[in-house]
């Protein structure tokens, strides 16, 4: 009985120390791949200053680490973010293209595989 409890404590300690590092790596990998896929799915539109929306995709730094949440946001920059909203969600005169939701649906299985890979590395499964 004591052996099982000691192994459990050891695994919990391993998760506490190694999982945040692996979580950062996993989140970074997913955001990079998500950005690439979003760029592929974004329609080619040109801003008056020559900026394409697909060239203005930004990743935020890590947020929420103080409360135990490791996350990053992926989206469009200030130059094109306001304009992309209309193409994605649609207007009275333009039907919605839903490329953001399409990207989320395409990346969900791949993101879960990446997260599983990093969790298995920590737990050595």
Protein backbone atom coordinates (compact mmCIF):
# COMPACT_ATOMS: atom_id res chain seq x y z
CA UNK A 1 0.00 0.00 0.00
CA UNK A 2 2.80 2.40 0.89
CA UNK A 3 4.60 1.71 -2.39
CA UNK A 4 1.61 2.76 -4.47
CA UNK A 5 1.16 5.92 -2.43
CA UNK A 6 4.85 6.83 -2.79
CA UNK A 7 4.66 6.34 -6.57
CA UNK A 8 1.57 8.51 -6.69
CA UNK A 9 3.31 11.27 -4.74
CA UNK A 10 6.35 11.00 -7.01
CA UNK A 11 4.21 11.30 -10.15
CA UNK A 12 2.30 14.29 -8.74
CA UNK A 13 5.58 16.03 -7.90
CA UNK A 14 6.84 15.30 -11.42
CA UNK A 15 3.68 16.81 -12.91
CA UNK A 16 4.00 19.95 -10.79
CA UNK A 17 7.58 20.60 -11.87
CA UNK A 18 7.68 19.38 -15.46
CA UNK A 19 4.16 19.97 -16.74
CA UNK A 20 4.29 23.80 -16.84
CA UNK A 21 7.44 23.65 -19.00
CA UNK A 22 5.91 21.09 -21.32
CA UNK A 23 2.62 23.01 -21.41
CA UNK A 24 4.45 26.12 -22.62
CA UNK A 25 6.15 24.12 -25.35
CA UNK A 26 2.87 22.53 -26.40
CA UNK A 27 0.95 25.82 -26.43
CA UNK A 28 3.73 27.49 -28.43
CA UNK A 29 3.74 24.68 -31.00
CA UNK A 30 -0.04 24.77 -31.35
CA UNK A 31 -0.16 28.56 -31.75
CA UNK A 32 2.52 28.47 -34.46
CA UNK A 33 0.66 25.78 -36.39
CA UNK A 34 -2.67 27.53 -35.84
CA UNK A 35 -1.20 30.78 -37.19
CA UNK A 36 0.03 29.00 -40.31
CA UNK A 37 -3.36 27.35 -40.89
CA UNK A 38 -5.20 30.64 -40.29
CA UNK A 39 -2.97 32.32 -42.86
CA UNK A 40 -3.87 29.61 -45.37
CA UNK A 41 -7.60 29.97 -44.71
CA UNK A 42 -7.65 33.79 -44.69
CA UNK A 43 -8.84 35.26 -47.99
CA UNK A 44 -6.34 37.46 -49.80
CA UNK A 45 -7.49 41.02 -49.20
CA UNK A 46 -5.34 44.09 -49.56
CA UNK A 47 -5.33 47.07 -47.20
CA UNK A 48 -4.79 50.52 -48.68
CA UNK A 49 -1.23 50.55 -47.29
CA UNK A 50 -0.41 47.23 -49.02
CA UNK A 51 -0.86 44.95 -45.99
CA UNK A 52 -2.54 41.58 -46.50
CA UNK A 53 -4.65 40.24 -43.64
CA UNK A 54 -2.84 36.91 -43.80
CA UNK A 55 0.48 38.72 -43.24
CA UNK A 56 -0.85 40.49 -40.12
CA UNK A 57 -1.51 37.44 -37.92
CA UNK A 58 -0.16 37.92 -34.39
CA UNK A 59 0.49 35.64 -31.39
CA UNK A 60 0.28 37.15 -27.92
CA UNK A 61 2.77 36.34 -25.16
CA UNK A 62 1.80 33.87 -22.45
CA UNK A 63 -1.04 34.96 -20.18
CA UNK A 64 -2.54 33.66 -16.95
CA UNK A 65 0.56 32.01 -15.53
CA UNK A 66 -0.01 33.56 -12.11
CA UNK A 67 -3.30 31.69 -11.73
CA UNK A 68 -2.08 28.40 -13.24
CA UNK A 69 -3.42 28.90 -16.75
CA UNK A 70 -1.03 28.84 -19.69
CA UNK A 71 -2.52 30.33 -22.83
CA UNK A 72 -1.76 32.45 -25.86
CA UNK A 73 -4.10 34.21 -28.26
CA UNK A 74 -3.82 34.09 -32.05
CA UNK A 75 -5.46 36.79 -34.12
CA UNK A 76 -5.06 39.65 -36.50
CA UNK A 77 -3.12 42.82 -35.80
CA UNK A 78 -4.47 46.33 -35.39
CA UNK A 79 -4.09 47.17 -39.07
CA UNK A 80 -6.37 44.43 -40.35
CA UNK A 81 -8.25 43.04 -37.35
CA UNK A 82 -11.18 45.41 -37.63
CA UNK A 83 -11.55 44.71 -41.35
CA UNK A 84 -11.24 40.91 -41.18
CA UNK A 85 -14.22 40.78 -38.85
CA UNK A 86 -16.56 41.84 -41.66
CA UNK A 87 -15.28 39.23 -44.12
CA UNK A 88 -15.44 36.46 -41.52
CA UNK A 89 -18.83 37.24 -39.94
CA UNK A 90 -20.48 38.83 -42.95
CA UNK A 91 -22.57 41.96 -43.38
CA UNK A 92 -25.95 42.82 -44.82
CA UNK A 93 -24.38 42.90 -48.29
CA UNK A 94 -21.77 40.13 -47.92
CA UNK A 95 -22.26 36.55 -46.75
CA UNK A 96 -20.06 35.21 -43.96
CA UNK A 97 -16.96 33.25 -44.97
CA UNK A 98 -16.37 31.72 -41.48
CA UNK A 99 -12.66 31.09 -42.08
CA UNK A 100 -11.81 31.56 -38.39
CA UNK A 101 -14.24 28.83 -37.30
CA UNK A 102 -13.07 26.64 -40.18
CA UNK A 103 -9.49 26.98 -38.90
CA UNK A 104 -10.55 26.11 -35.34
CA UNK A 105 -12.38 23.00 -36.56
CA UNK A 106 -9.40 21.91 -38.69
CA UNK A 107 -6.84 22.43 -35.92
CA UNK A 108 -8.74 20.87 -32.99
CA UNK A 109 -7.66 17.23 -33.66
CA UNK A 110 -4.07 18.25 -34.39
CA UNK A 111 -3.89 20.41 -31.26
CA UNK A 112 -5.20 17.58 -29.09
CA UNK A 113 -2.55 15.24 -30.52
CA UNK A 114 0.19 17.76 -29.72
CA UNK A 115 -1.06 18.20 -26.15
CA UNK A 116 -1.27 14.44 -25.69
CA UNK A 117 2.27 14.02 -26.99
CA UNK A 118 3.67 16.47 -24.44
CA UNK A 119 1.65 14.95 -21.58
CA UNK A 120 2.95 11.49 -22.45
CA UNK A 121 6.51 12.82 -22.41
CA UNK A 122 6.05 14.09 -18.86
CA UNK A 123 4.38 10.92 -17.62
CA UNK A 124 6.70 8.70 -19.69
CA UNK A 125 3.83 6.63 -21.06
